[in-house]
C-alpha atoms as a PDB file:
ATOM      1  CA  MET A   1       0.035  -0.122  -0.131  1.00  0.00           C
ATOM      2  CA  LYS A   2       1.242   3.538  -0.917  1.00  0.00           C
ATOM      3  CA  THR A   3       0.867   5.966   2.151  1.00  0.00           C
ATOM      4  CA  SER A   4      -0.207   9.199   1.326  1.00  0.00           C
ATOM      5  CA  ALA A   5      -2.238  10.226   4.328  1.00  0.00           C
ATOM      6  CA  TYR A   6      -1.929   9.587   8.367  1.00  0.00           C
ATOM      7  CA  THR A   7      -4.359   9.882  10.932  1.00  0.00           C
ATOM      8  CA  TYR A   8      -2.523  10.715  14.408  1.00  0.00           C
ATOM      9  CA  ILE A   9      -3.019  11.454  18.120  1.00  0.00           C
ATOM     10  CA  VAL A  10      -0.705  13.464  20.110  1.00  0.00           C
ATOM     11  CA  GLU A  11      -0.396  14.082  23.564  1.00  0.00           C
ATOM     12  CA  CYS A  12      -0.419  17.472  24.962  1.00  0.00           C
ATOM     13  CA  ALA A  13       1.664  18.796  27.887  1.00  0.00           C
ATOM     14  CA  ASP A  14      -1.333  19.153  29.867  1.00  0.00           C
ATOM     15  CA  GLY A  15      -2.356  15.105  29.261  1.00  0.00           C
ATOM     16  CA  THR A  16      -5.224  15.641  26.866  1.00  0.00           C
ATOM     17  CA  PHE A  17      -5.159  14.588  23.510  1.00  0.00           C
ATOM     18  CA  TYR A  18      -5.539  16.093  20.083  1.00  0.00           C
ATOM     19  CA  THR A  19      -6.519  13.893  16.776  1.00  0.00           C
ATOM     20  CA  GLY A  20      -5.825  14.983  13.171  1.00  0.00           C
ATOM     21  CA  TRP A  21      -4.857  13.646   9.960  1.00  0.00           C
ATOM     22  CA  THR A  22      -1.752  14.906   7.802  1.00  0.00           C
ATOM     23  CA  ASN A  23       0.071  13.628   4.525  1.00  0.00           C
ATOM     24  CA  ASP A  24       3.212  14.585   6.396  1.00  0.00           C
ATOM     25  CA  LEU A  25       3.542  13.274   9.971  1.00  0.00           C
ATOM     26  CA  GLU A  26       6.731  14.334  11.056  1.00  0.00           C
ATOM     27  CA  ARG A  27       6.016  17.993   9.500  1.00  0.00           C
ATOM     28  CA  ARG A  28       2.720  18.070  11.246  1.00  0.00           C
ATOM     29  CA  VAL A  29       4.166  17.156  14.638  1.00  0.00           C
ATOM     30  CA  GLN A  30       6.601  19.661  14.267  1.00  0.00           C
ATOM     31  CA  HIS A  31       4.241  22.336  13.298  1.00  0.00           C
ATOM     32  CA  HIS A  32       2.323  21.809  16.580  1.00  0.00           C
ATOM     33  CA  ASN A  33       5.491  22.162  18.652  1.00  0.00           C
ATOM     34  CA  GLU A  34       6.474  25.223  17.035  1.00  0.00           C
ATOM     35  CA  GLY A  35       2.749  26.624  17.604  1.00  0.00           C
ATOM     36  CA  LYS A  36       1.753  26.458  13.903  1.00  0.00           C
ATOM     37  CA  GLY A  37      -0.337  23.857  14.571  1.00  0.00           C
ATOM     38  CA  ALA A  38      -4.006  23.453  15.530  1.00  0.00           C
ATOM     39  CA  LYS A  39      -5.483  26.167  17.973  1.00  0.00           C
ATOM     40  CA  TYR A  40      -6.236  23.518  20.411  1.00  0.00           C
ATOM     41  CA  THR A  41      -2.457  22.365  20.794  1.00  0.00           C
ATOM     42  CA  ARG A  42      -0.896  25.819  20.861  1.00  0.00           C
ATOM     43  CA  ALA A  43      -2.031  26.415  24.563  1.00  0.00           C
ATOM     44  CA  ARG A  44      -0.743  23.090  25.511  1.00  0.00           C
ATOM     45  CA  LEU A  45       2.662  22.598  24.140  1.00  0.00           C
ATOM     46  CA  PRO A  46       4.669  20.691  24.092  1.00  0.00           C
ATOM     47  CA  VAL A  47       3.041  17.558  22.085  1.00  0.00           C
ATOM     48  CA  ARG A  48       4.128  14.242  21.461  1.00  0.00           C
ATOM     49  CA  LEU A  49       3.103  11.617  18.903  1.00  0.00           C
ATOM     50  CA  VAL A  50       1.518   8.566  20.689  1.00  0.00           C
ATOM     51  CA  TYR A  51      -0.470   6.941  17.677  1.00  0.00           C
ATOM     52  CA  CYS A  52      -0.676   6.778  13.983  1.00  0.00           C
ATOM     53  CA  GLU A  53      -2.256   5.020  11.436  1.00  0.00           C
ATOM     54  CA  ALA A  54      -1.410   4.949   7.724  1.00  0.00           C
ATOM     55  CA  PHE A  55      -3.737   5.252   4.748  1.00  0.00           C
ATOM     56  CA  ALA A  56      -3.473   5.297   0.934  1.00  0.00           C
ATOM     57  CA  THR A  57      -5.832   8.107   0.704  1.00  0.00           C
ATOM     58  CA  LYS A  58      -6.763  11.475   2.617  1.00  0.00           C
ATOM     59  CA  GLU A  59     -10.207  10.505   2.570  1.00  0.00           C
ATOM     60  CA  GLU A  60      -9.799   7.272   4.592  1.00  0.00           C
ATOM     61  CA  ALA A  61      -7.561   9.326   7.002  1.00  0.00           C
ATOM     62  CA  MET A  62     -10.196  11.748   7.713  1.00  0.00           C
ATOM     63  CA  LYS A  63     -12.678   9.312   8.326  1.00  0.00           C
ATOM     64  CA  ARG A  64     -10.479   7.348  10.786  1.00  0.00           C
ATOM     65  CA  GLU A  65      -9.943  10.778  12.390  1.00  0.00           C
ATOM     66  CA  TYR A  66     -13.583  11.651  12.632  1.00  0.00           C
ATOM     67  CA  ALA A  67     -14.052   7.981  14.502  1.00  0.00           C
ATOM     68  CA  ILE A  68     -11.433   8.652  16.779  1.00  0.00           C
ATOM     69  CA  LYS A  69     -12.792  11.859  17.543  1.00  0.00           C
ATOM     70  CA  HIS A  70     -15.770  10.399  18.718  1.00  0.00           C
ATOM     71  CA  LEU A  71     -13.975   7.728  21.150  1.00  0.00           C
ATOM     72  CA  THR A  72     -13.946   8.195  24.783  1.00  0.00           C
ATOM     73  CA  ARG A  73     -10.739   8.979  26.661  1.00  0.00           C
ATOM     74  CA  LYS A  74     -10.711   5.580  28.013  1.00  0.00           C
ATOM     75  CA  ASP A  75     -11.081   4.059  24.381  1.00  0.00           C
ATOM     76  CA  LYS A  76      -8.170   6.256  23.201  1.00  0.00           C
ATOM     77  CA  LEU A  77      -6.101   5.133  25.893  1.00  0.00           C
ATOM     78  CA  ASP A  78      -6.811   1.687  25.175  1.00  0.00           C
ATOM     79  CA  LEU A  79      -5.830   2.169  21.151  1.00  0.00           C
ATOM     80  CA  ILE A  80      -2.705   3.996  22.079  1.00  0.00           C
ATOM     81  CA  LEU A  81      -1.706   1.319  24.734  1.00  0.00           C
ATOM     82  CA  LYS A  82      -2.496  -1.504  22.135  1.00  0.00           C
ATOM     83  CA  HIS A  83      -0.632   0.509  19.399  1.00  0.00           C
ATOM     84  CA  GLU A  84       2.528   0.769  21.749  1.00  0.00           C
ATOM     85  CA  ALA A  85       2.325  -3.096  22.736  1.00  0.00           C
ATOM     86  CA  GLU A  86       2.207  -3.992  19.106  1.00  0.00           C
ATOM     87  CA  SER A  87       4.927  -1.923  17.921  1.00  0.00           C
ATOM     88  CA  LYS A  88       6.963  -3.409  20.718  1.00  0.00           C
ATOM     89  CA  SER A  89       6.788  -7.123  19.617  1.00  0.00           C
END
């Protein structure tokens, strides 16, 4: 699969999560930390990437972003922890 978009979650300095999508993950996280990202994250710096998924299309990434934004905090934590466990194995 050729990746052209990502859905991601960053954890803000205050412990909250921000979910978004991008076509350049590294640049997007850098922009967040430079205060050039979303308004939500600007007041909660620094952020750190805690989760990402790769997709072939922007539309798929946006659809997944929408779904994640509707999860409870507990469900987001479970998703992040599962992702971390899978990446360690």
